[in-house]
């Protein structure tokens, strides 16, 4: 779960279609009775504590925090507070649609071309999946004083919003399949990891379904021990060390729609085509999220 955990790019071979994103019976915009009670309890507690509802204020946005909290209202309130403090105030993130229009959009692709590949939903659970070639991530390329890290974080937040575009997306969670072969210290920054963890672990309301660490060597295993200093037990449990074949034989990934760096059949495209596909995918997902904001009611 290094910095690669929270960087996204999309490959033109995938389409932001509803395939795998909506169930046969449309539960994308319908809360269960239990989930509705979680939402009502969270809204009441936020009001009682004088805490503003998460931005942008809507039943869907509140439901996202309630579903991730799974009825643990105190934890959900704490996450709402952290979201406001870290994401809205510290990073100035107001909405995905606004950030798409800013220079931050696509920052991850600009700094680390060829590292990311967005795949169709994988495994039997149809989980939205991001494939990552960790070897392409070189944190020294980021000039923090120039604002590079802030741009990448904002780009990352757009992607999280895109990956949680409806209630089914939130329920399923996300998957990051990482090619870790040959990873070394050049691909890691403890300082950046700790900063990133404030978002992907503590503030943004998202569920991590699984994080396959493919062909990870001794360095990565040592690295995980270092990261236990700031990763929660739940996050650590999502890490799965495996081989490329394990992805397809044991975990049910589809080789035909996975990138070649993970043993799949999809070849990389030019940076220009990658970015065009990325932008198209994000905008389609954000349109689905706007639909959820309109249609989800508590």
C-alpha atoms as a PDB file:
ATOM      1  CA  UNK A   1       0.000   0.000   0.000  1.00  0.00           C
ATOM      2  CA  UNK A   2       2.704   2.449  -0.973  1.00  0.00           C
ATOM      3  CA  UNK A   3       2.045   5.776  -2.625  1.00  0.00           C
ATOM      4  CA  UNK A   4       0.901   3.690  -5.591  1.00  0.00           C
ATOM      5  CA  UNK A   5      -2.197   2.881  -3.565  1.00  0.00           C
ATOM      6  CA  UNK A   6      -3.697   6.196  -4.368  1.00  0.00           C
ATOM      7  CA  UNK A   7      -2.677   7.026  -7.926  1.00  0.00           C
ATOM      8  CA  UNK A   8      -4.919   6.351 -10.881  1.00  0.00           C
ATOM      9  CA  UNK A   9      -4.766   6.282 -14.669  1.00  0.00           C
ATOM     10  CA  UNK A  10      -7.027   4.696 -17.228  1.00  0.00           C
ATOM     11  CA  UNK A  11      -6.209   2.622 -20.309  1.00  0.00           C
ATOM     12  CA  UNK A  12      -8.162   3.170 -23.511  1.00  0.00           C
ATOM     13  CA  UNK A  13      -8.958  -0.526 -23.736  1.00  0.00           C
ATOM     14  CA  UNK A  14     -11.579  -0.127 -21.022  1.00  0.00           C
ATOM     15  CA  UNK A  15     -14.788   1.794 -21.231  1.00  0.00           C
ATOM     16  CA  UNK A  16     -16.605   3.553 -18.377  1.00  0.00           C
ATOM     17  CA  UNK A  17     -19.682   1.500 -19.143  1.00  0.00           C
ATOM     18  CA  UNK A  18     -22.178   0.142 -16.670  1.00  0.00           C
ATOM     19  CA  UNK A  19     -20.812  -3.391 -17.140  1.00  0.00           C
ATOM     20  CA  UNK A  20     -19.952  -4.573 -13.663  1.00  0.00           C
ATOM     21  CA  UNK A  21     -20.868  -1.188 -12.181  1.00  0.00           C
ATOM     22  CA  UNK A  22     -24.576  -1.767 -11.635  1.00  0.00           C
ATOM     23  CA  UNK A  23     -26.245  -4.952 -10.475  1.00  0.00           C
ATOM     24  CA  UNK A  24     -29.047  -6.711 -12.363  1.00  0.00           C
ATOM     25  CA  UNK A  25     -31.524  -5.299  -9.857  1.00  0.00           C
ATOM     26  CA  UNK A  26     -30.781  -1.625  -9.613  1.00  0.00           C
ATOM     27  CA  UNK A  27     -29.396  -1.096  -6.136  1.00  0.00           C
ATOM     28  CA  UNK A  28     -27.108   1.717  -7.262  1.00  0.00           C
ATOM     29  CA  UNK A  29     -29.400   4.374  -5.804  1.00  0.00           C
ATOM     30  CA  UNK A  30     -31.403   2.420  -3.224  1.00  0.00           C
ATOM     31  CA  UNK A  31     -30.442   2.152   0.441  1.00  0.00           C
ATOM     32  CA  UNK A  32     -31.402  -0.896   2.458  1.00  0.00           C
ATOM     33  CA  UNK A  33     -33.458  -0.316   5.598  1.00  0.00           C
ATOM     34  CA  UNK A  34     -30.379  -0.911   7.745  1.00  0.00           C
ATOM     35  CA  UNK A  35     -28.257   1.482   5.696  1.00  0.00           C
ATOM     36  CA  UNK A  36     -30.962   4.133   5.933  1.00  0.00           C
ATOM     37  CA  UNK A  37     -30.897   3.860   9.722  1.00  0.00           C
ATOM     38  CA  UNK A  38     -27.119   4.311   9.670  1.00  0.00           C
ATOM     39  CA  UNK A  39     -27.608   7.492   7.640  1.00  0.00           C
ATOM     40  CA  UNK A  40     -30.296   8.853   9.948  1.00  0.00           C
ATOM     41  CA  UNK A  41     -28.127   8.194  13.008  1.00  0.00           C
ATOM     42  CA  UNK A  42     -25.085   9.846  11.407  1.00  0.00           C
ATOM     43  CA  UNK A  43     -27.043  12.932  10.368  1.00  0.00           C
ATOM     44  CA  UNK A  44     -28.494  13.294  13.862  1.00  0.00           C
ATOM     45  CA  UNK A  45     -25.104  12.945  15.551  1.00  0.00           C
ATOM     46  CA  UNK A  46     -23.461  15.451  13.215  1.00  0.00           C
ATOM     47  CA  UNK A  47     -26.206  17.932  14.039  1.00  0.00           C
ATOM     48  CA  UNK A  48     -25.897  17.240  17.773  1.00  0.00           C
ATOM     49  CA  UNK A  49     -22.136  17.891  17.672  1.00  0.00           C
ATOM     50  CA  UNK A  50     -22.440  20.938  15.434  1.00  0.00           C
ATOM     51  CA  UNK A  51     -20.432  19.301  12.647  1.00  0.00           C
ATOM     52  CA  UNK A  52     -21.267  20.282   9.073  1.00  0.00           C
ATOM     53  CA  UNK A  53     -22.312  17.481   6.734  1.00  0.00           C
ATOM     54  CA  UNK A  54     -19.608  16.456   4.245  1.00  0.00           C
ATOM     55  CA  UNK A  55     -19.241  18.484   1.060  1.00  0.00           C
ATOM     56  CA  UNK A  56     -21.031  18.523  -1.292  1.00  0.00           C
ATOM     57  CA  UNK A  57     -24.028  18.222   1.013  1.00  0.00           C
ATOM     58  CA  UNK A  58     -26.419  15.575  -0.279  1.00  0.00           C
ATOM     59  CA  UNK A  59     -28.040  12.358   0.898  1.00  0.00           C
ATOM     60  CA  UNK A  60     -25.642  10.382  -1.310  1.00  0.00           C
ATOM     61  CA  UNK A  61     -22.542  12.039   0.152  1.00  0.00           C
ATOM     62  CA  UNK A  62     -23.763  11.398   3.690  1.00  0.00           C
ATOM     63  CA  UNK A  63     -24.647   7.807   2.769  1.00  0.00           C
ATOM     64  CA  UNK A  64     -21.082   7.205   1.567  1.00  0.00           C
ATOM     65  CA  UNK A  65     -19.726   7.978   5.043  1.00  0.00           C
ATOM     66  CA  UNK A  66     -22.517   6.006   6.737  1.00  0.00           C
ATOM     67  CA  UNK A  67     -21.958   2.891   4.600  1.00  0.00           C
ATOM     68  CA  UNK A  68     -18.222   2.897   5.216  1.00  0.00           C
ATOM     69  CA  UNK A  69     -18.900   3.353   8.945  1.00  0.00           C
ATOM     70  CA  UNK A  70     -21.321   0.376   8.926  1.00  0.00           C
ATOM     71  CA  UNK A  71     -23.378   1.709  11.793  1.00  0.00           C
ATOM     72  CA  UNK A  72     -20.444   2.837  13.921  1.00  0.00           C
ATOM     73  CA  UNK A  73     -21.670   6.411  14.186  1.00  0.00           C
ATOM     74  CA  UNK A  74     -18.799   7.754  16.284  1.00  0.00           C
ATOM     75  CA  UNK A  75     -16.245   6.517  13.752  1.00  0.00           C
ATOM     76  CA  UNK A  76     -18.275   7.943  10.882  1.00  0.00           C
ATOM     77  CA  UNK A  77     -18.417  11.346  12.584  1.00  0.00           C
ATOM     78  CA  UNK A  78     -14.649  11.239  13.135  1.00  0.00           C
ATOM     79  CA  UNK A  79     -14.118  10.505   9.444  1.00  0.00           C
ATOM     80  CA  UNK A  80     -16.369  13.405   8.448  1.00  0.00           C
ATOM     81  CA  UNK A  81     -14.240  15.677  10.647  1.00  0.00           C
ATOM     82  CA  UNK A  82     -10.980  14.383   9.130  1.00  0.00           C
ATOM     83  CA  UNK A  83     -12.390  14.753   5.626  1.00  0.00           C
ATOM     84  CA  UNK A  84     -13.174  18.404   6.291  1.00  0.00           C
ATOM     85  CA  UNK A  85      -9.814  19.089   7.941  1.00  0.00           C
ATOM     86  CA  UNK A  86      -7.498  17.228   5.575  1.00  0.00           C
ATOM     87  CA  UNK A  87      -9.245  17.020   2.222  1.00  0.00           C
ATOM     88  CA  UNK A  88     -11.321  20.198   2.144  1.00  0.00           C
ATOM     89  CA  UNK A  89      -9.185  22.567   4.218  1.00  0.00           C
ATOM     90  CA  UNK A  90      -5.600  21.336   3.878  1.00  0.00           C
ATOM     91  CA  UNK A  91      -5.799  20.345   0.217  1.00  0.00           C
ATOM     92  CA  UNK A  92      -8.603  22.686  -0.811  1.00  0.00           C
ATOM     93  CA  UNK A  93     -10.603  19.955  -2.516  1.00  0.00           C
ATOM     94  CA  UNK A  94     -14.188  21.074  -3.067  1.00  0.00           C
ATOM     95  CA  UNK A  95     -15.503  18.809  -5.801  1.00  0.00           C
ATOM     96  CA  UNK A  96     -14.270  16.394  -8.431  1.00  0.00           C
ATOM     97  CA  UNK A  97     -15.899  18.336 -11.240  1.00  0.00           C
ATOM     98  CA  UNK A  98     -14.062  21.505 -10.197  1.00  0.00           C
ATOM     99  CA  UNK A  99     -10.710  19.709 -10.010  1.00  0.00           C
ATOM    100  CA  UNK A 100     -11.193  18.182 -13.461  1.00  0.00           C
ATOM    101  CA  UNK A 101     -11.046  21.752 -14.783  1.00  0.00           C
ATOM    102  CA  UNK A 102      -7.829  22.537 -12.868  1.00  0.00           C
ATOM    103  CA  UNK A 103      -4.138  21.918 -13.694  1.00  0.00           C
ATOM    104  CA  UNK A 104      -4.125  19.124 -11.095  1.00  0.00           C
ATOM    105  CA  UNK A 105      -6.249  16.863 -13.270  1.00  0.00           C
ATOM    106  CA  UNK A 106      -4.063  14.141 -14.781  1.00  0.00           C
ATOM    107  CA  UNK A 107      -1.048  15.014 -12.619  1.00  0.00           C
ATOM    108  CA  UNK A 108      -0.397  11.370 -11.798  1.00  0.00           C
ATOM    109  CA  UNK A 109      -0.119  10.528 -15.500  1.00  0.00           C
ATOM    110  CA  UNK A 110       2.233  13.409 -16.166  1.00  0.00           C
ATOM    111  CA  UNK A 111       4.705  12.485 -13.450  1.00  0.00           C
ATOM    112  CA  UNK A 112       4.626   8.704 -13.817  1.00  0.00           C
ATOM    113  CA  UNK A 113       3.545   7.691 -17.344  1.00  0.00           C
ATOM    114  CA  UNK A 114       2.873   4.016 -17.927  1.00  0.00           C
ATOM    115  CA  UNK A 115       2.437   3.100 -14.275  1.00  0.00           C
ATOM    116  CA  UNK A 116      -1.352   2.817 -14.132  1.00  0.00           C
ATOM    117  CA  UNK A 117      -3.933   0.818 -16.002  1.00  0.00           C
ATOM    118  CA  UNK A 118      -7.644   0.973 -15.178  1.00  0.00           C
ATOM    119  CA  UNK A 119      -9.296  -2.388 -15.703  1.00  0.00           C
ATOM    120  CA  UNK A 120     -12.900  -3.539 -15.977  1.00  0.00           C
ATOM    121  CA  UNK A 121     -14.283  -4.942 -12.698  1.00  0.00           C
ATOM    122  CA  UNK A 122     -12.387  -8.056 -11.617  1.00  0.00           C
ATOM    123  CA  UNK A 123     -12.991 -11.137  -9.428  1.00  0.00           C
ATOM    124  CA  UNK A 124     -16.367 -12.769  -8.838  1.00  0.00           C
ATOM    125  CA  UNK A 125     -17.420  -9.703  -6.848  1.00  0.00           C
ATOM    126  CA  UNK A 126     -16.904  -7.415  -9.895  1.00  0.00           C
ATOM    127  CA  UNK A 127     -14.645  -5.024  -8.013  1.00  0.00           C
ATOM    128  CA  UNK A 128     -13.337  -1.880  -9.767  1.00  0.00           C
ATOM    129  CA  UNK A 129      -9.644  -2.596 -10.263  1.00  0.00           C
ATOM    130  CA  UNK A 130      -6.557  -0.491 -10.788  1.00  0.00           C
ATOM    131  CA  UNK A 131      -3.415  -2.243 -12.025  1.00  0.00           C
ATOM    132  CA  UNK A 132      -0.138  -0.601 -10.993  1.00  0.00           C
ATOM    133  CA  UNK A 133       3.441  -1.075 -12.158  1.00  0.00           C
ATOM    134  CA  UNK A 134       5.284   0.034  -9.034  1.00  0.00           C
ATOM    135  CA  UNK A 135       8.604   0.238 -10.851  1.00  0.00           C
ATOM    136  CA  UNK A 136       7.404   3.360 -12.688  1.00  0.00           C
ATOM    137  CA  UNK A 137       6.842   5.272  -9.447  1.00  0.00           C
ATOM    138  CA  UNK A 138       9.863   7.479  -8.649  1.00  0.00           C
ATOM    139  CA  UNK A 139       8.969   9.830  -5.750  1.00  0.00           C
ATOM    140  CA  UNK A 140      12.096  11.933  -6.206  1.00  0.00           C
ATOM    141  CA  UNK A 141      10.484  13.322  -9.359  1.00  0.00           C
ATOM    142  CA  UNK A 142       7.980  15.158  -7.178  1.00  0.00           C
ATOM    143  CA  UNK A 143       8.975  18.688  -6.119  1.00  0.00           C
ATOM    144  CA  UNK A 144       6.940  19.232  -2.960  1.00  0.00           C
ATOM    145  CA  UNK A 145       7.840  22.930  -2.746  1.00  0.00           C
ATOM    146  CA  UNK A 146       6.607  23.444  -6.303  1.00  0.00           C
ATOM    147  CA  UNK A 147       3.286  21.869  -5.381  1.00  0.00           C
ATOM    148  CA  UNK A 148       3.677  18.601  -7.277  1.00  0.00           C
ATOM    149  CA  UNK A 149       2.462  16.486  -4.364  1.00  0.00           C
ATOM    150  CA  UNK A 150      -0.632  18.641  -3.872  1.00  0.00           C
ATOM    151  CA  UNK A 151      -1.531  18.274  -7.553  1.00  0.00           C
ATOM    152  CA  UNK A 152      -1.130  14.503  -7.384  1.00  0.00           C
ATOM    153  CA  UNK A 153      -3.263  14.341  -4.229  1.00  0.00           C
ATOM    154  CA  UNK A 154      -6.042  16.370  -5.862  1.00  0.00           C
ATOM    155  CA  UNK A 155      -5.881  14.147  -8.939  1.00  0.00           C
ATOM    156  CA  UNK A 156      -6.100  11.144  -6.648  1.00  0.00           C
ATOM    157  CA  UNK A 157      -9.206  12.530  -4.928  1.00  0.00           C
ATOM    158  CA  UNK A 158     -10.941  12.942  -8.289  1.00  0.00           C
ATOM    159  CA  UNK A 159     -10.227   9.284  -8.956  1.00  0.00           C
ATOM    160  CA  UNK A 160     -11.618   8.202  -5.590  1.00  0.00           C
ATOM    161  CA  UNK A 161     -14.826  10.095  -6.320  1.00  0.00           C
ATOM    162  CA  UNK A 162     -14.956   8.436  -9.734  1.00  0.00           C
ATOM    163  CA  UNK A 163     -14.426   4.975  -8.232  1.00  0.00           C
ATOM    164  CA  UNK A 164     -17.269   5.471  -5.728  1.00  0.00           C
ATOM    165  CA  UNK A 165     -19.866   6.786  -8.144  1.00  0.00           C
ATOM    166  CA  UNK A 166     -22.899   4.957  -6.746  1.00  0.00           C
ATOM    167  CA  UNK A 167     -23.961   2.902  -3.728  1.00  0.00           C
ATOM    168  CA  UNK A 168     -22.911  -0.401  -5.311  1.00  0.00           C
ATOM    169  CA  UNK A 169     -19.422   0.963  -5.953  1.00  0.00           C
ATOM    170  CA  UNK A 170     -19.194   1.979  -2.292  1.00  0.00           C
ATOM    171  CA  UNK A 171     -20.402  -1.417  -1.086  1.00  0.00           C
ATOM    172  CA  UNK A 172     -18.010  -3.416  -3.274  1.00  0.00           C
ATOM    173  CA  UNK A 173     -14.918  -1.380  -2.563  1.00  0.00           C
ATOM    174  CA  UNK A 174     -11.869  -1.036  -4.776  1.00  0.00           C
ATOM    175  CA  UNK A 175      -8.926  -3.259  -5.687  1.00  0.00           C
ATOM    176  CA  UNK A 176      -5.324  -2.262  -6.427  1.00  0.00           C
ATOM    177  CA  UNK A 177      -3.291  -4.996  -8.154  1.00  0.00           C
ATOM    178  CA  UNK A 178       0.376  -4.026  -7.903  1.00  0.00           C
ATOM    179  CA  UNK A 179       3.324  -5.430  -9.855  1.00  0.00           C
ATOM    180  CA  UNK A 180       6.084  -5.250  -7.247  1.00  0.00           C
ATOM    181  CA  UNK A 181       8.898  -7.161  -8.941  1.00  0.00           C
ATOM    182  CA  UNK A 182      12.202  -5.301  -8.671  1.00  0.00           C
ATOM    183  CA  UNK A 183      10.885  -2.637  -6.331  1.00  0.00           C
ATOM    184  CA  UNK A 184      13.589  -0.794  -4.352  1.00  0.00           C
ATOM    185  CA  UNK A 185      14.158   2.289  -2.226  1.00  0.00           C
ATOM    186  CA  UNK A 186      13.967   4.476  -5.346  1.00  0.00           C
ATOM    187  CA  UNK A 187      10.254   3.599  -5.471  1.00  0.00           C
ATOM    188  CA  UNK A 188       9.452   4.602  -1.900  1.00  0.00           C
ATOM    189  CA  UNK A 189       9.224   7.724   0.266  1.00  0.00           C
ATOM    190  CA  UNK A 190       8.245   7.298   3.899  1.00  0.00           C
ATOM    191  CA  UNK A 191       7.358  10.989   4.170  1.00  0.00           C
ATOM    192  CA  UNK A 192       4.983  10.868   1.201  1.00  0.00           C
ATOM    193  CA  UNK A 193       3.457   7.583   2.363  1.00  0.00           C
ATOM    194  CA  UNK A 194       2.558   9.023   5.756  1.00  0.00           C
ATOM    195  CA  UNK A 195       1.049  12.083   4.099  1.00  0.00           C
ATOM    196  CA  UNK A 196      -0.941   9.952   1.691  1.00  0.00           C
ATOM    197  CA  UNK A 197      -2.215   7.687   4.471  1.00  0.00           C
ATOM    198  CA  UNK A 198      -4.033  10.669   5.962  1.00  0.00           C
ATOM    199  CA  UNK A 199      -6.242  10.596   2.873  1.00  0.00           C
ATOM    200  CA  UNK A 200      -6.566   6.984   1.710  1.00  0.00           C
ATOM    201  CA  UNK A 201      -6.756   5.467   5.187  1.00  0.00           C
ATOM    202  CA  UNK A 202      -8.120   8.074   7.588  1.00  0.00           C
ATOM    203  CA  UNK A 203     -10.198  10.661   5.721  1.00  0.00           C
ATOM    204  CA  UNK A 204     -11.745   9.514   2.455  1.00  0.00           C
ATOM    205  CA  UNK A 205     -14.703   7.108   2.874  1.00  0.00           C
ATOM    206  CA  UNK A 206     -13.722   4.110   0.757  1.00  0.00           C
ATOM    207  CA  UNK A 207     -13.508   0.352   1.290  1.00  0.00           C
ATOM    208  CA  UNK A 208     -10.454  -1.569   0.060  1.00  0.00           C
ATOM    209  CA  UNK A 209     -11.607  -4.958  -1.164  1.00  0.00           C
ATOM    210  CA  UNK A 210      -8.121  -6.400  -1.701  1.00  0.00           C
ATOM    211  CA  UNK A 211      -4.602  -5.253  -2.578  1.00  0.00           C
ATOM    212  CA  UNK A 212      -2.690  -8.002  -4.419  1.00  0.00           C
ATOM    213  CA  UNK A 213       1.085  -7.520  -4.190  1.00  0.00           C
ATOM    214  CA  UNK A 214       2.295  -9.450  -7.209  1.00  0.00           C
ATOM    215  CA  UNK A 215       5.795 -10.972  -7.311  1.00  0.00           C
ATOM    216  CA  UNK A 216       6.911  -8.935  -4.299  1.00  0.00           C
ATOM    217  CA  UNK A 217      10.439  -9.657  -3.150  1.00  0.00           C
ATOM    218  CA  UNK A 218      12.303  -9.299   0.114  1.00  0.00           C
ATOM    219  CA  UNK A 219      12.450  -5.497  -0.078  1.00  0.00           C
ATOM    220  CA  UNK A 220       8.695  -5.149  -0.272  1.00  0.00           C
ATOM    221  CA  UNK A 221       8.185  -7.514   2.640  1.00  0.00           C
ATOM    222  CA  UNK A 222      10.581  -5.416   4.731  1.00  0.00           C
ATOM    223  CA  UNK A 223       8.802  -2.283   3.522  1.00  0.00           C
ATOM    224  CA  UNK A 224       5.442  -3.547   4.746  1.00  0.00           C
ATOM    225  CA  UNK A 225       6.917  -4.024   8.207  1.00  0.00           C
ATOM    226  CA  UNK A 226       8.057  -0.397   8.134  1.00  0.00           C
ATOM    227  CA  UNK A 227       4.623   0.779   7.062  1.00  0.00           C
ATOM    228  CA  UNK A 228       2.897  -1.016   9.922  1.00  0.00           C
ATOM    229  CA  UNK A 229       3.893   2.017  11.968  1.00  0.00           C
ATOM    230  CA  UNK A 230       1.068   3.987  10.344  1.00  0.00           C
ATOM    231  CA  UNK A 231      -1.199   1.459   8.575  1.00  0.00           C
ATOM    232  CA  UNK A 232      -4.250   0.175  10.400  1.00  0.00           C
ATOM    233  CA  UNK A 233      -4.704  -3.544  11.018  1.00  0.00           C
ATOM    234  CA  UNK A 234      -7.629  -3.592   8.582  1.00  0.00           C
ATOM    235  CA  UNK A 235      -5.510  -2.056   5.823  1.00  0.00           C
ATOM    236  CA  UNK A 236      -2.731  -4.558   6.471  1.00  0.00           C
ATOM    237  CA  UNK A 237      -5.231  -7.413   6.185  1.00  0.00           C
ATOM    238  CA  UNK A 238      -6.144  -6.306   2.665  1.00  0.00           C
ATOM    239  CA  UNK A 239      -2.580  -6.957   1.449  1.00  0.00           C
ATOM    240  CA  UNK A 240      -2.233 -10.251  -0.414  1.00  0.00           C
ATOM    241  CA  UNK A 241       1.194 -11.451  -1.573  1.00  0.00           C
ATOM    242  CA  UNK A 242       0.774 -13.582  -4.700  1.00  0.00           C
ATOM    243  CA  UNK A 243       2.156 -14.513  -8.112  1.00  0.00           C
ATOM    244  CA  UNK A 244       0.819 -13.411 -11.492  1.00  0.00           C
ATOM    245  CA  UNK A 245      -0.801 -16.810 -12.007  1.00  0.00           C
ATOM    246  CA  UNK A 246      -2.522 -16.524  -8.618  1.00  0.00           C
ATOM    247  CA  UNK A 247      -4.413 -13.461  -9.867  1.00  0.00           C
ATOM    248  CA  UNK A 248      -6.116 -15.508 -12.556  1.00  0.00           C
ATOM    249  CA  UNK A 249      -6.271 -19.019 -11.090  1.00  0.00           C
ATOM    250  CA  UNK A 250      -6.945 -18.295  -7.418  1.00  0.00           C
ATOM    251  CA  UNK A 251      -8.602 -14.873  -7.397  1.00  0.00           C
ATOM    252  CA  UNK A 252     -10.576 -14.916 -10.636  1.00  0.00           C
ATOM    253  CA  UNK A 253      -9.062 -11.973 -12.504  1.00  0.00           C
ATOM    254  CA  UNK A 254      -9.663 -11.838 -16.265  1.00  0.00           C
ATOM    255  CA  UNK A 255      -6.375 -12.150 -18.160  1.00  0.00           C
ATOM    256  CA  UNK A 256      -7.924 -10.714 -21.331  1.00  0.00           C
ATOM    257  CA  UNK A 257      -8.595  -7.362 -19.653  1.00  0.00           C
ATOM    258  CA  UNK A 258      -5.462  -7.053 -17.491  1.00  0.00           C
ATOM    259  CA  UNK A 259      -2.261  -5.273 -18.611  1.00  0.00           C
ATOM    260  CA  UNK A 260       0.810  -7.095 -19.841  1.00  0.00           C
ATOM    261  CA  UNK A 261       2.929  -6.050 -16.836  1.00  0.00           C
ATOM    262  CA  UNK A 262       0.661  -8.261 -14.711  1.00  0.00           C
ATOM    263  CA  UNK A 263       0.643 -11.131 -17.184  1.00  0.00           C
ATOM    264  CA  UNK A 264      -2.475  -9.954 -18.994  1.00  0.00           C
ATOM    265  CA  UNK A 265      -3.210  -9.550 -22.685  1.00  0.00           C
ATOM    266  CA  UNK A 266      -3.624  -5.750 -22.870  1.00  0.00           C
ATOM    267  CA  UNK A 267      -0.671  -3.833 -24.325  1.00  0.00           C
ATOM    268  CA  UNK A 268       0.135  -0.251 -23.266  1.00  0.00           C
ATOM    269  CA  UNK A 269      -0.849   2.749 -25.398  1.00  0.00           C
ATOM    270  CA  UNK A 270       0.859   6.048 -26.119  1.00  0.00           C
ATOM    271  CA  UNK A 271       0.805   8.651 -23.301  1.00  0.00           C
ATOM    272  CA  UNK A 272      -1.583  10.788 -25.358  1.00  0.00           C
ATOM    273  CA  UNK A 273      -4.081   7.970 -25.789  1.00  0.00           C
ATOM    274  CA  UNK A 274      -3.709   6.953 -22.158  1.00  0.00           C
ATOM    275  CA  UNK A 275      -4.601  10.451 -20.979  1.00  0.00           C
ATOM    276  CA  UNK A 276      -7.542  10.719 -23.387  1.00  0.00           C
ATOM    277  CA  UNK A 277      -8.932   7.431 -22.093  1.00  0.00           C
ATOM    278  CA  UNK A 278      -8.307   8.537 -18.502  1.00  0.00           C
ATOM    279  CA  UNK A 279     -10.205  11.800 -18.991  1.00  0.00           C
ATOM    280  CA  UNK A 280     -13.096  10.067 -20.749  1.00  0.00           C
ATOM    281  CA  UNK A 281     -13.386   7.432 -18.049  1.00  0.00           C
ATOM    282  CA  UNK A 282     -13.279   9.950 -15.193  1.00  0.00           C
ATOM    283  CA  UNK A 283     -15.902  12.216 -16.742  1.00  0.00           C
ATOM    284  CA  UNK A 284     -18.264   9.295 -17.344  1.00  0.00           C
ATOM    285  CA  UNK A 285     -17.858   8.122 -13.744  1.00  0.00           C
ATOM    286  CA  UNK A 286     -18.431  11.626 -12.396  1.00  0.00           C
ATOM    287  CA  UNK A 287     -21.626  11.822 -14.458  1.00  0.00           C
ATOM    288  CA  UNK A 288     -22.746   8.638 -12.689  1.00  0.00           C
ATOM    289  CA  UNK A 289     -21.831  10.209  -9.361  1.00  0.00           C
ATOM    290  CA  UNK A 290     -23.894  13.312 -10.199  1.00  0.00           C
ATOM    291  CA  UNK A 291     -26.795  10.979 -10.976  1.00  0.00           C
ATOM    292  CA  UNK A 292     -26.377   9.335  -7.571  1.00  0.00           C
ATOM    293  CA  UNK A 293     -26.386  12.731  -5.842  1.00  0.00           C
ATOM    294  CA  UNK A 294     -29.697  13.441  -7.566  1.00  0.00           C
ATOM    295  CA  UNK A 295     -31.378  10.064  -7.034  1.00  0.00           C
ATOM    296  CA  UNK A 296     -30.225   8.738  -3.635  1.00  0.00           C
ATOM    297  CA  UNK A 297     -32.603   9.702  -0.839  1.00  0.00           C
ATOM    298  CA  UNK A 298     -32.492   8.798   2.847  1.00  0.00           C
END
